[in-house]
Amino acid sequence: MPMPIATLTLNPAVDVTYEIERLIRDQKAHADATRFDPGGNGINVGRALKRLDVTASNVCLLAGETGQFLERLLGQHVDDPVYVWVDGETRINATILESETASQYEVSGIGPQFPQTILDSLRQRFVGRVGNGYGVVTGSVPPGVSEDVYATFIHPIRAAGGRPVLDAHGALLRRGIEAKPFLIKPNLYELELITGRKLTDIRAVATEAQRIQRSGVDYVCVSLGKEGALLTGAEGTYHAIPPKVKVRSSVGAGDSMVGGLVAGFAREDALDDILRLAVACSVGTVGQPGTELFDPEDLPELMEQIEMRVVD
């Protein structure tokens, strides 16, 4: 039987994407295309897993009429959605794609506040869903939630024999690393913030990733934008270099990478194959409009084009 997998989204959103020709100050811009997608990092990871034919529970907090709209959207995009309702209103995020300059603008909304009792109940429910499998905790958190919130999920998941996966920013990431998750996926900028120094080449990135891995995190994957990604664990360190592709939108690329990583680990693939799949998912996503994710049919060809290197 496959290990259970669950994703957590404390601050989900309805993602609205507008494609326009050009933004003009103080003037109304008319969209050439508009799309609505379920948003939030954990939700995007769940969407990616579904496209990889990997079943996962997807636990998220919803609120208000926007939450009801998001609930309808989610039914088409993820397996086994689990909703916890709170007062307030689920946030709306906006992405504007300007075709004339190939620029991308993003505005993130603010989620609803909720009492500590909700968080305590949610934690118990989520850890139960994860069991001895993979629990993905990722993304921003609503106002009033403490910076150690993901650490409070990682500890009980570990204690229950599960494998917590963390993808977060700033203090959420730093405090989460202290709890020793199974896997983290910082990008290069986030890794530089953690280490306090500029990392100018792949060997410097590998050195810092390996240092974190030796501190008690089983695997560290660093996303490197157009340079691909690096993954290190006890088995070794690999650098995957992707093919050059036209970037339409970078939204969801990191979440797609996390989905590929979790799918690969759940299938017990070799470490280099796990990284190859993860990078292919990310590359496939940047070629899609708005917050759309990769097309699974494109993955085999993309994986063949990825160059894999061992980093000493």
C-alpha atoms as a PDB file:
ATOM      1  CA  MET A   1       0.000   0.000   0.000  1.00  0.00           C
ATOM      2  CA  PRO A   2       1.326   3.494  -0.822  1.00  0.00           C
ATOM      3  CA  MET A   3       2.206   5.813   2.031  1.00  0.00           C
ATOM      4  CA  PRO A   4      -0.439   8.457   2.787  1.00  0.00           C
ATOM      5  CA  ILE A   5       0.236  12.007   1.624  1.00  0.00           C
ATOM      6  CA  ALA A   6      -1.407  15.190   2.878  1.00  0.00           C
ATOM      7  CA  THR A   7      -0.910  18.868   2.044  1.00  0.00           C
ATOM      8  CA  LEU A   8      -1.704  21.774   4.357  1.00  0.00           C
ATOM      9  CA  THR A   9      -2.822  25.229   3.212  1.00  0.00           C
ATOM     10  CA  LEU A  10      -3.423  27.688   6.042  1.00  0.00           C
ATOM     11  CA  ASN A  11      -3.842  30.671   3.709  1.00  0.00           C
ATOM     12  CA  PRO A  12      -5.529  29.532   0.477  1.00  0.00           C
ATOM     13  CA  ALA A  13      -6.732  31.918  -2.199  1.00  0.00           C
ATOM     14  CA  VAL A  14      -8.671  32.324  -5.376  1.00  0.00           C
ATOM     15  CA  ASP A  15      -6.021  33.244  -7.959  1.00  0.00           C
ATOM     16  CA  VAL A  16      -7.204  35.640 -10.650  1.00  0.00           C
ATOM     17  CA  THR A  17      -4.948  36.097 -13.690  1.00  0.00           C
ATOM     18  CA  TYR A  18      -5.317  38.920 -16.204  1.00  0.00           C
ATOM     19  CA  GLU A  19      -3.453  38.944 -19.507  1.00  0.00           C
ATOM     20  CA  ILE A  20      -3.174  42.499 -20.847  1.00  0.00           C
ATOM     21  CA  GLU A  21      -1.162  44.257 -23.519  1.00  0.00           C
ATOM     22  CA  ARG A  22       0.161  47.121 -21.393  1.00  0.00           C
ATOM     23  CA  LEU A  23      -0.368  48.801 -18.012  1.00  0.00           C
ATOM     24  CA  ILE A  24      -0.781  52.590 -18.209  1.00  0.00           C
ATOM     25  CA  ARG A  25      -0.681  54.698 -15.069  1.00  0.00           C
ATOM     26  CA  ASP A  26      -4.095  56.112 -14.055  1.00  0.00           C
ATOM     27  CA  GLN A  27      -5.754  54.397 -17.034  1.00  0.00           C
ATOM     28  CA  LYS A  28      -8.080  51.401 -17.153  1.00  0.00           C
ATOM     29  CA  ALA A  29      -6.554  48.283 -18.700  1.00  0.00           C
ATOM     30  CA  HIS A  30      -8.831  45.824 -20.486  1.00  0.00           C
ATOM     31  CA  ALA A  31      -7.883  42.165 -20.183  1.00  0.00           C
ATOM     32  CA  ASP A  32      -7.345  40.032 -23.251  1.00  0.00           C
ATOM     33  CA  ALA A  33      -7.897  36.907 -21.133  1.00  0.00           C
ATOM     34  CA  THR A  34      -8.944  36.130 -17.565  1.00  0.00           C
ATOM     35  CA  ARG A  35      -8.742  32.883 -15.592  1.00  0.00           C
ATOM     36  CA  PHE A  36      -9.602  31.729 -12.077  1.00  0.00           C
ATOM     37  CA  ASP A  37      -7.606  29.026 -10.318  1.00  0.00           C
ATOM     38  CA  PRO A  38      -7.480  27.618  -6.793  1.00  0.00           C
ATOM     39  CA  GLY A  39      -4.439  29.096  -5.076  1.00  0.00           C
ATOM     40  CA  GLY A  40      -2.198  28.629  -2.087  1.00  0.00           C
ATOM     41  CA  ASN A  41       1.075  26.707  -2.074  1.00  0.00           C
ATOM     42  CA  GLY A  42      -0.265  23.549  -0.465  1.00  0.00           C
ATOM     43  CA  ILE A  43      -3.187  23.474  -2.877  1.00  0.00           C
ATOM     44  CA  ASN A  44      -0.807  23.859  -5.817  1.00  0.00           C
ATOM     45  CA  VAL A  45       1.270  20.942  -4.533  1.00  0.00           C
ATOM     46  CA  GLY A  46      -1.929  18.892  -4.352  1.00  0.00           C
ATOM     47  CA  ARG A  47      -2.804  19.907  -7.901  1.00  0.00           C
ATOM     48  CA  ALA A  48       0.637  18.799  -9.061  1.00  0.00           C
ATOM     49  CA  LEU A  49       0.345  15.455  -7.270  1.00  0.00           C
ATOM     50  CA  LYS A  50      -3.019  14.782  -8.915  1.00  0.00           C
ATOM     51  CA  ARG A  51      -1.461  15.385 -12.340  1.00  0.00           C
ATOM     52  CA  LEU A  52       1.246  12.880 -11.402  1.00  0.00           C
ATOM     53  CA  ASP A  53      -1.410  10.284 -10.473  1.00  0.00           C
ATOM     54  CA  VAL A  54      -0.397  10.438  -6.806  1.00  0.00           C
ATOM     55  CA  THR A  55      -3.358  10.551  -4.420  1.00  0.00           C
ATOM     56  CA  ALA A  56      -3.193  13.043  -1.553  1.00  0.00           C
ATOM     57  CA  SER A  57      -5.497  14.557   1.038  1.00  0.00           C
ATOM     58  CA  ASN A  58      -5.579  18.345   0.851  1.00  0.00           C
ATOM     59  CA  VAL A  59      -6.407  20.133   4.085  1.00  0.00           C
ATOM     60  CA  CYS A  60      -7.185  23.846   3.908  1.00  0.00           C
ATOM     61  CA  LEU A  61      -8.924  26.636   5.805  1.00  0.00           C
ATOM     62  CA  LEU A  62     -11.814  28.315   3.983  1.00  0.00           C
ATOM     63  CA  ALA A  63     -13.915  31.354   4.841  1.00  0.00           C
ATOM     64  CA  GLY A  64     -16.853  33.295   3.451  1.00  0.00           C
ATOM     65  CA  GLU A  65     -18.243  33.511  -0.062  1.00  0.00           C
ATOM     66  CA  THR A  66     -14.800  33.502  -1.637  1.00  0.00           C
ATOM     67  CA  GLY A  67     -14.165  30.253   0.237  1.00  0.00           C
ATOM     68  CA  GLN A  68     -17.329  28.785  -1.280  1.00  0.00           C
ATOM     69  CA  PHE A  69     -16.107  29.718  -4.759  1.00  0.00           C
ATOM     70  CA  LEU A  70     -12.707  28.173  -3.966  1.00  0.00           C
ATOM     71  CA  GLU A  71     -14.440  25.013  -2.751  1.00  0.00           C
ATOM     72  CA  ARG A  72     -16.146  24.648  -6.139  1.00  0.00           C
ATOM     73  CA  LEU A  73     -12.853  25.201  -7.959  1.00  0.00           C
ATOM     74  CA  LEU A  74     -10.966  22.709  -5.803  1.00  0.00           C
ATOM     75  CA  GLY A  75     -13.326  19.857  -6.601  1.00  0.00           C
ATOM     76  CA  GLN A  76     -11.941  19.857 -10.148  1.00  0.00           C
ATOM     77  CA  HIS A  77      -8.264  20.110  -9.252  1.00  0.00           C
ATOM     78  CA  VAL A  78      -7.347  17.966  -6.214  1.00  0.00           C
ATOM     79  CA  ASP A  79      -8.158  14.600  -4.673  1.00  0.00           C
ATOM     80  CA  ASP A  80      -9.751  14.282  -1.240  1.00  0.00           C
ATOM     81  CA  PRO A  81     -10.150  17.945  -0.251  1.00  0.00           C
ATOM     82  CA  VAL A  82     -10.643  18.463   3.498  1.00  0.00           C
ATOM     83  CA  TYR A  83     -12.185  21.802   4.470  1.00  0.00           C
ATOM     84  CA  VAL A  84     -12.048  23.572   7.827  1.00  0.00           C
ATOM     85  CA  TRP A  85     -14.312  26.623   7.873  1.00  0.00           C
ATOM     86  CA  VAL A  86     -13.508  29.797   9.813  1.00  0.00           C
ATOM     87  CA  ASP A  87     -15.036  33.268  10.047  1.00  0.00           C
ATOM     88  CA  GLY A  88     -13.983  36.003   7.655  1.00  0.00           C
ATOM     89  CA  GLU A  89     -13.193  35.807   3.959  1.00  0.00           C
ATOM     90  CA  THR A  90     -10.714  33.733   1.964  1.00  0.00           C
ATOM     91  CA  ARG A  91      -8.216  35.982   0.195  1.00  0.00           C
ATOM     92  CA  ILE A  92      -8.022  36.791  -3.518  1.00  0.00           C
ATOM     93  CA  ASN A  93      -4.649  37.000  -5.289  1.00  0.00           C
ATOM     94  CA  ALA A  94      -4.119  38.786  -8.599  1.00  0.00           C
ATOM     95  CA  THR A  95      -1.516  38.152 -11.290  1.00  0.00           C
ATOM     96  CA  ILE A  96      -1.144  40.538 -14.234  1.00  0.00           C
ATOM     97  CA  LEU A  97       0.770  39.369 -17.296  1.00  0.00           C
ATOM     98  CA  GLU A  98       1.830  42.276 -19.519  1.00  0.00           C
ATOM     99  CA  SER A  99       2.472  40.964 -23.030  1.00  0.00           C
ATOM    100  CA  GLU A 100       4.185  44.086 -24.426  1.00  0.00           C
ATOM    101  CA  THR A 101       7.079  43.888 -21.929  1.00  0.00           C
ATOM    102  CA  ALA A 102       6.758  40.212 -20.919  1.00  0.00           C
ATOM    103  CA  SER A 103       6.433  41.465 -17.330  1.00  0.00           C
ATOM    104  CA  GLN A 104       4.582  39.808 -14.471  1.00  0.00           C
ATOM    105  CA  TYR A 105       2.939  41.610 -11.543  1.00  0.00           C
ATOM    106  CA  GLU A 106       1.559  39.850  -8.467  1.00  0.00           C
ATOM    107  CA  VAL A 107      -0.606  41.061  -5.587  1.00  0.00           C
ATOM    108  CA  SER A 108      -1.312  38.742  -2.636  1.00  0.00           C
ATOM    109  CA  GLY A 109      -4.384  39.267  -0.496  1.00  0.00           C
ATOM    110  CA  ILE A 110      -4.716  38.931   3.281  1.00  0.00           C
ATOM    111  CA  GLY A 111      -6.378  35.868   4.752  1.00  0.00           C
ATOM    112  CA  PRO A 112      -8.802  35.691   7.694  1.00  0.00           C
ATOM    113  CA  GLN A 113      -7.719  35.515  11.315  1.00  0.00           C
ATOM    114  CA  PHE A 114      -8.815  32.533  13.389  1.00  0.00           C
ATOM    115  CA  PRO A 115      -8.458  31.457  17.040  1.00  0.00           C
ATOM    116  CA  GLN A 116      -5.715  29.180  18.389  1.00  0.00           C
ATOM    117  CA  THR A 117      -8.319  26.494  19.128  1.00  0.00           C
ATOM    118  CA  ILE A 118      -8.927  26.115  15.384  1.00  0.00           C
ATOM    119  CA  LEU A 119      -5.214  25.674  14.761  1.00  0.00           C
ATOM    120  CA  ASP A 120      -4.872  23.069  17.529  1.00  0.00           C
ATOM    121  CA  SER A 121      -7.791  21.052  16.158  1.00  0.00           C
ATOM    122  CA  LEU A 122      -6.470  21.370  12.608  1.00  0.00           C
ATOM    123  CA  ARG A 123      -3.021  20.163  13.651  1.00  0.00           C
ATOM    124  CA  GLN A 124      -4.407  17.012  15.220  1.00  0.00           C
ATOM    125  CA  ARG A 125      -6.543  16.340  12.171  1.00  0.00           C
ATOM    126  CA  PHE A 126      -3.681  16.919   9.736  1.00  0.00           C
ATOM    127  CA  VAL A 127      -1.168  14.758  11.618  1.00  0.00           C
ATOM    128  CA  GLY A 128      -3.751  11.973  11.617  1.00  0.00           C
ATOM    129  CA  ARG A 129      -4.087  12.253   7.840  1.00  0.00           C
ATOM    130  CA  VAL A 130      -0.311  12.089   7.371  1.00  0.00           C
ATOM    131  CA  GLY A 131       0.258   9.040   9.584  1.00  0.00           C
ATOM    132  CA  ASN A 132       3.566   7.434   8.580  1.00  0.00           C
ATOM    133  CA  GLY A 133       3.516   9.158   5.192  1.00  0.00           C
ATOM    134  CA  TYR A 134       4.344  12.596   3.832  1.00  0.00           C
ATOM    135  CA  GLY A 135       2.956  15.833   5.250  1.00  0.00           C
ATOM    136  CA  VAL A 136       3.545  18.944   3.123  1.00  0.00           C
ATOM    137  CA  VAL A 137       3.419  22.219   5.078  1.00  0.00           C
ATOM    138  CA  THR A 138       3.983  25.215   2.855  1.00  0.00           C
ATOM    139  CA  GLY A 139       3.105  28.779   2.023  1.00  0.00           C
ATOM    140  CA  SER A 140       2.211  31.984   3.803  1.00  0.00           C
ATOM    141  CA  VAL A 141       0.048  32.141   6.913  1.00  0.00           C
ATOM    142  CA  PRO A 142      -2.838  34.460   7.845  1.00  0.00           C
ATOM    143  CA  PRO A 143      -2.399  37.399  10.240  1.00  0.00           C
ATOM    144  CA  GLY A 144      -1.851  36.476  13.871  1.00  0.00           C
ATOM    145  CA  VAL A 145      -0.285  33.055  13.237  1.00  0.00           C
ATOM    146  CA  SER A 146       3.096  32.633  14.949  1.00  0.00           C
ATOM    147  CA  GLU A 147       6.366  32.188  13.069  1.00  0.00           C
ATOM    148  CA  ASP A 148       6.923  28.741  14.607  1.00  0.00           C
ATOM    149  CA  VAL A 149       3.604  27.367  13.355  1.00  0.00           C
ATOM    150  CA  TYR A 150       5.152  24.947  10.867  1.00  0.00           C
ATOM    151  CA  ALA A 151       7.556  23.680  13.512  1.00  0.00           C
ATOM    152  CA  THR A 152       4.506  22.802  15.631  1.00  0.00           C
ATOM    153  CA  PHE A 153       3.308  20.588  12.764  1.00  0.00           C
ATOM    154  CA  ILE A 154       6.703  19.081  11.951  1.00  0.00           C
ATOM    155  CA  HIS A 155       7.379  17.828  15.500  1.00  0.00           C
ATOM    156  CA  PRO A 156       4.210  15.689  15.850  1.00  0.00           C
ATOM    157  CA  ILE A 157       4.502  14.386  12.274  1.00  0.00           C
ATOM    158  CA  ARG A 158       8.028  13.188  13.053  1.00  0.00           C
ATOM    159  CA  ALA A 159       6.894  11.734  16.386  1.00  0.00           C
ATOM    160  CA  ALA A 160       4.191   9.729  14.577  1.00  0.00           C
ATOM    161  CA  GLY A 161       6.721   8.275  12.126  1.00  0.00           C
ATOM    162  CA  GLY A 162       5.816  10.582   9.245  1.00  0.00           C
ATOM    163  CA  ARG A 163       7.975  12.597   6.866  1.00  0.00           C
ATOM    164  CA  PRO A 164       7.282  16.353   7.012  1.00  0.00           C
ATOM    165  CA  VAL A 165       8.072  18.409   3.900  1.00  0.00           C
ATOM    166  CA  LEU A 166       8.607  22.155   4.370  1.00  0.00           C
ATOM    167  CA  ASP A 167       8.578  24.920   1.760  1.00  0.00           C
ATOM    168  CA  ALA A 168       8.285  28.370   3.321  1.00  0.00           C
ATOM    169  CA  HIS A 169       9.918  31.775   3.538  1.00  0.00           C
ATOM    170  CA  GLY A 170      11.721  33.860   6.127  1.00  0.00           C
ATOM    171  CA  ALA A 171      11.154  33.051   9.782  1.00  0.00           C
ATOM    172  CA  LEU A 172       8.645  30.319   8.902  1.00  0.00           C
ATOM    173  CA  LEU A 173      11.451  28.489   7.112  1.00  0.00           C
ATOM    174  CA  ARG A 174      14.138  29.149   9.724  1.00  0.00           C
ATOM    175  CA  ARG A 175      11.976  28.021  12.636  1.00  0.00           C
ATOM    176  CA  GLY A 176      10.759  25.040  10.623  1.00  0.00           C
ATOM    177  CA  ILE A 177      14.312  23.878   9.890  1.00  0.00           C
ATOM    178  CA  GLU A 178      14.989  23.793  13.640  1.00  0.00           C
ATOM    179  CA  ALA A 179      12.285  21.093  13.906  1.00  0.00           C
ATOM    180  CA  LYS A 180      14.258  18.862  11.470  1.00  0.00           C
ATOM    181  CA  PRO A 181      11.811  18.141   8.622  1.00  0.00           C
ATOM    182  CA  PHE A 182      12.363  15.306   6.169  1.00  0.00           C
ATOM    183  CA  LEU A 183      12.723  17.657   3.183  1.00  0.00           C
ATOM    184  CA  ILE A 184      13.008  21.402   2.624  1.00  0.00           C
ATOM    185  CA  LYS A 185      12.954  23.299  -0.683  1.00  0.00           C
ATOM    186  CA  PRO A 186      14.340  26.828  -0.364  1.00  0.00           C
ATOM    187  CA  ASN A 187      15.202  28.838  -3.434  1.00  0.00           C
ATOM    188  CA  LEU A 188      18.651  30.381  -3.815  1.00  0.00           C
ATOM    189  CA  TYR A 189      17.652  33.695  -2.245  1.00  0.00           C
ATOM    190  CA  GLU A 190      16.119  31.972   0.777  1.00  0.00           C
ATOM    191  CA  LEU A 191      19.229  29.806   1.210  1.00  0.00           C
ATOM    192  CA  GLU A 192      21.398  32.933   1.121  1.00  0.00           C
ATOM    193  CA  LEU A 193      19.243  34.514   3.827  1.00  0.00           C
ATOM    194  CA  ILE A 194      19.646  31.411   5.995  1.00  0.00           C
ATOM    195  CA  THR A 195      23.408  31.245   5.536  1.00  0.00           C
ATOM    196  CA  GLY A 196      23.987  35.002   5.669  1.00  0.00           C
ATOM    197  CA  ARG A 197      26.228  35.082   2.622  1.00  0.00           C
ATOM    198  CA  LYS A 198      26.109  35.322  -1.158  1.00  0.00           C
ATOM    199  CA  LEU A 199      26.348  31.959  -2.947  1.00  0.00           C
ATOM    200  CA  THR A 200      27.923  32.599  -6.322  1.00  0.00           C
ATOM    201  CA  ASP A 201      28.393  29.102  -7.756  1.00  0.00           C
ATOM    202  CA  ILE A 202      26.942  25.616  -7.551  1.00  0.00           C
ATOM    203  CA  ARG A 203      29.661  24.330  -5.216  1.00  0.00           C
ATOM    204  CA  ALA A 204      28.877  27.048  -2.684  1.00  0.00           C
ATOM    205  CA  VAL A 205      25.185  26.162  -2.913  1.00  0.00           C
ATOM    206  CA  ALA A 206      25.994  22.475  -2.455  1.00  0.00           C
ATOM    207  CA  THR A 207      28.220  23.179   0.563  1.00  0.00           C
ATOM    208  CA  GLU A 208      25.477  25.072   2.406  1.00  0.00           C
ATOM    209  CA  ALA A 209      22.771  22.576   1.441  1.00  0.00           C
ATOM    210  CA  GLN A 210      24.949  19.723   2.686  1.00  0.00           C
ATOM    211  CA  ARG A 211      25.586  21.593   5.932  1.00  0.00           C
ATOM    212  CA  ILE A 212      21.840  21.857   6.579  1.00  0.00           C
ATOM    213  CA  GLN A 213      21.372  18.211   5.604  1.00  0.00           C
ATOM    214  CA  ARG A 214      24.000  17.095   8.104  1.00  0.00           C
ATOM    215  CA  SER A 215      22.258  19.107  10.832  1.00  0.00           C
ATOM    216  CA  GLY A 216      19.297  16.732  10.754  1.00  0.00           C
ATOM    217  CA  VAL A 217      17.226  17.548   7.663  1.00  0.00           C
ATOM    218  CA  ASP A 218      17.163  14.378   5.543  1.00  0.00           C
ATOM    219  CA  TYR A 219      17.042  16.106   2.147  1.00  0.00           C
ATOM    220  CA  VAL A 220      17.596  19.651   0.932  1.00  0.00           C
ATOM    221  CA  CYS A 221      16.476  20.770  -2.524  1.00  0.00           C
ATOM    222  CA  VAL A 222      17.477  24.258  -3.666  1.00  0.00           C
ATOM    223  CA  SER A 223      15.605  25.705  -6.643  1.00  0.00           C
ATOM    224  CA  LEU A 224      17.848  27.826  -8.871  1.00  0.00           C
ATOM    225  CA  GLY A 225      15.513  29.365 -11.444  1.00  0.00           C
ATOM    226  CA  LYS A 226      16.803  28.929 -14.994  1.00  0.00           C
ATOM    227  CA  GLU A 227      19.790  27.009 -13.553  1.00  0.00           C
ATOM    228  CA  GLY A 228      17.485  24.200 -12.413  1.00  0.00           C
ATOM    229  CA  ALA A 229      17.802  22.749  -8.931  1.00  0.00           C
ATOM    230  CA  LEU A 230      20.169  20.951  -6.580  1.00  0.00           C
ATOM    231  CA  LEU A 231      19.180  18.038  -4.330  1.00  0.00           C
ATOM    232  CA  THR A 232      21.347  16.592  -1.583  1.00  0.00           C
ATOM    233  CA  GLY A 233      20.893  13.688   0.795  1.00  0.00           C
ATOM    234  CA  ALA A 234      22.885  10.861   2.330  1.00  0.00           C
ATOM    235  CA  GLU A 235      23.057   9.199  -1.112  1.00  0.00           C
ATOM    236  CA  GLY A 236      24.828  12.145  -2.730  1.00  0.00           C
ATOM    237  CA  THR A 237      24.293  15.556  -4.318  1.00  0.00           C
ATOM    238  CA  TYR A 238      22.868  16.183  -7.791  1.00  0.00           C
ATOM    239  CA  HIS A 239      22.405  19.272  -9.961  1.00  0.00           C
ATOM    240  CA  ALA A 240      19.707  19.179 -12.649  1.00  0.00           C
ATOM    241  CA  ILE A 241      20.079  21.693 -15.492  1.00  0.00           C
ATOM    242  CA  PRO A 242      16.848  22.263 -17.458  1.00  0.00           C
ATOM    243  CA  PRO A 243      16.407  23.060 -21.145  1.00  0.00           C
ATOM    244  CA  LYS A 244      15.751  26.660 -22.147  1.00  0.00           C
ATOM    245  CA  VAL A 245      12.034  27.350 -22.459  1.00  0.00           C
ATOM    246  CA  LYS A 246       9.854  30.398 -22.985  1.00  0.00           C
ATOM    247  CA  VAL A 247       8.592  31.601 -19.608  1.00  0.00           C
ATOM    248  CA  ARG A 248       4.935  32.647 -19.595  1.00  0.00           C
ATOM    249  CA  SER A 249       4.407  32.704 -15.810  1.00  0.00           C
ATOM    250  CA  SER A 250       6.518  31.563 -12.873  1.00  0.00           C
ATOM    251  CA  VAL A 251       3.550  31.224 -10.506  1.00  0.00           C
ATOM    252  CA  GLY A 252       3.306  27.651  -9.206  1.00  0.00           C
ATOM    253  CA  ALA A 253       6.715  26.542 -10.495  1.00  0.00           C
ATOM    254  CA  GLY A 254       8.125  25.993  -7.008  1.00  0.00           C
ATOM    255  CA  ASP A 255       4.986  24.186  -5.868  1.00  0.00           C
ATOM    256  CA  SER A 256       5.160  21.939  -8.931  1.00  0.00           C
ATOM    257  CA  MET A 257       8.751  21.124  -7.993  1.00  0.00           C
ATOM    258  CA  VAL A 258       7.650  20.155  -4.480  1.00  0.00           C
ATOM    259  CA  GLY A 259       4.923  17.971  -5.976  1.00  0.00           C
ATOM    260  CA  GLY A 260       7.482  16.209  -8.163  1.00  0.00           C
ATOM    261  CA  LEU A 261       9.808  15.686  -5.200  1.00  0.00           C
ATOM    262  CA  VAL A 262       7.066  14.200  -3.013  1.00  0.00           C
ATOM    263  CA  ALA A 263       5.845  11.980  -5.848  1.00  0.00           C
ATOM    264  CA  GLY A 264       9.379  10.712  -6.472  1.00  0.00           C
ATOM    265  CA  PHE A 265      10.054   9.984  -2.804  1.00  0.00           C
ATOM    266  CA  ALA A 266       6.658   8.306  -2.403  1.00  0.00           C
ATOM    267  CA  ARG A 267       7.486   6.038  -5.363  1.00  0.00           C
ATOM    268  CA  GLU A 268      10.930   5.333  -3.862  1.00  0.00           C
ATOM    269  CA  ASP A 269      12.734   6.486  -7.009  1.00  0.00           C
ATOM    270  CA  ALA A 270      16.492   7.009  -7.112  1.00  0.00           C
ATOM    271  CA  LEU A 271      17.589  10.450  -5.919  1.00  0.00           C
ATOM    272  CA  ASP A 272      18.670  11.694  -9.347  1.00  0.00           C
ATOM    273  CA  ASP A 273      15.390  10.517 -10.894  1.00  0.00           C
ATOM    274  CA  ILE A 274      13.440  12.329  -8.164  1.00  0.00           C
ATOM    275  CA  LEU A 275      15.239  15.570  -8.984  1.00  0.00           C
ATOM    276  CA  ARG A 276      14.786  15.062 -12.722  1.00  0.00           C
ATOM    277  CA  LEU A 277      11.015  14.686 -12.305  1.00  0.00           C
ATOM    278  CA  ALA A 278      10.788  17.679  -9.964  1.00  0.00           C
ATOM    279  CA  VAL A 279      12.640  19.980 -12.358  1.00  0.00           C
ATOM    280  CA  ALA A 280      10.563  18.770 -15.313  1.00  0.00           C
ATOM    281  CA  CYS A 281       7.375  19.635 -13.383  1.00  0.00           C
ATOM    282  CA  SER A 282       8.733  23.120 -12.666  1.00  0.00           C
ATOM    283  CA  VAL A 283       9.875  23.742 -16.250  1.00  0.00           C
ATOM    284  CA  GLY A 284       6.539  22.520 -17.570  1.00  0.00           C
ATOM    285  CA  THR A 285       4.740  24.991 -15.323  1.00  0.00           C
ATOM    286  CA  VAL A 286       6.619  28.151 -16.362  1.00  0.00           C
ATOM    287  CA  GLY A 287       5.462  27.572 -19.925  1.00  0.00           C
ATOM    288  CA  GLN A 288       1.792  27.730 -18.874  1.00  0.00           C
ATOM    289  CA  PRO A 289      -0.381  30.867 -18.576  1.00  0.00           C
ATOM    290  CA  GLY A 290      -1.224  32.425 -15.219  1.00  0.00           C
ATOM    291  CA  THR A 291      -1.379  29.948 -12.360  1.00  0.00           C
ATOM    292  CA  GLU A 292      -1.898  26.912 -14.583  1.00  0.00           C
ATOM    293  CA  LEU A 293       0.446  23.989 -13.861  1.00  0.00           C
ATOM    294  CA  PHE A 294       2.353  21.598 -16.121  1.00  0.00           C
ATOM    295  CA  ASP A 295       0.775  19.219 -18.628  1.00  0.00           C
ATOM    296  CA  PRO A 296       1.696  15.633 -17.580  1.00  0.00           C
ATOM    297  CA  GLU A 297       2.027  14.623 -21.225  1.00  0.00           C
ATOM    298  CA  ASP A 298       4.956  17.039 -21.624  1.00  0.00           C
ATOM    299  CA  LEU A 299       7.000  15.529 -18.786  1.00  0.00           C
ATOM    300  CA  PRO A 300       8.720  12.596 -20.570  1.00  0.00           C
ATOM    301  CA  GLU A 301      10.198  14.864 -23.258  1.00  0.00           C
ATOM    302  CA  LEU A 302      11.241  17.486 -20.698  1.00  0.00           C
ATOM    303  CA  MET A 303      12.906  14.866 -18.509  1.00  0.00           C
ATOM    304  CA  GLU A 304      14.981  13.656 -21.464  1.00  0.00           C
ATOM    305  CA  GLN A 305      16.262  17.206 -22.033  1.00  0.00           C
ATOM    306  CA  ILE A 306      17.429  17.744 -18.444  1.00  0.00           C
ATOM    307  CA  GLU A 307      21.179  17.462 -17.885  1.00  0.00           C
ATOM    308  CA  MET A 308      22.116  15.753 -14.611  1.00  0.00           C
ATOM    309  CA  ARG A 309      25.424  16.332 -12.858  1.00  0.00           C
ATOM    310  CA  VAL A 310      26.935  14.886  -9.702  1.00  0.00           C
ATOM    311  CA  VAL A 311      28.313  17.537  -7.357  1.00  0.00           C
ATOM    312  CA  ASP A 312      31.277  16.404  -5.273  1.00  0.00           C
END
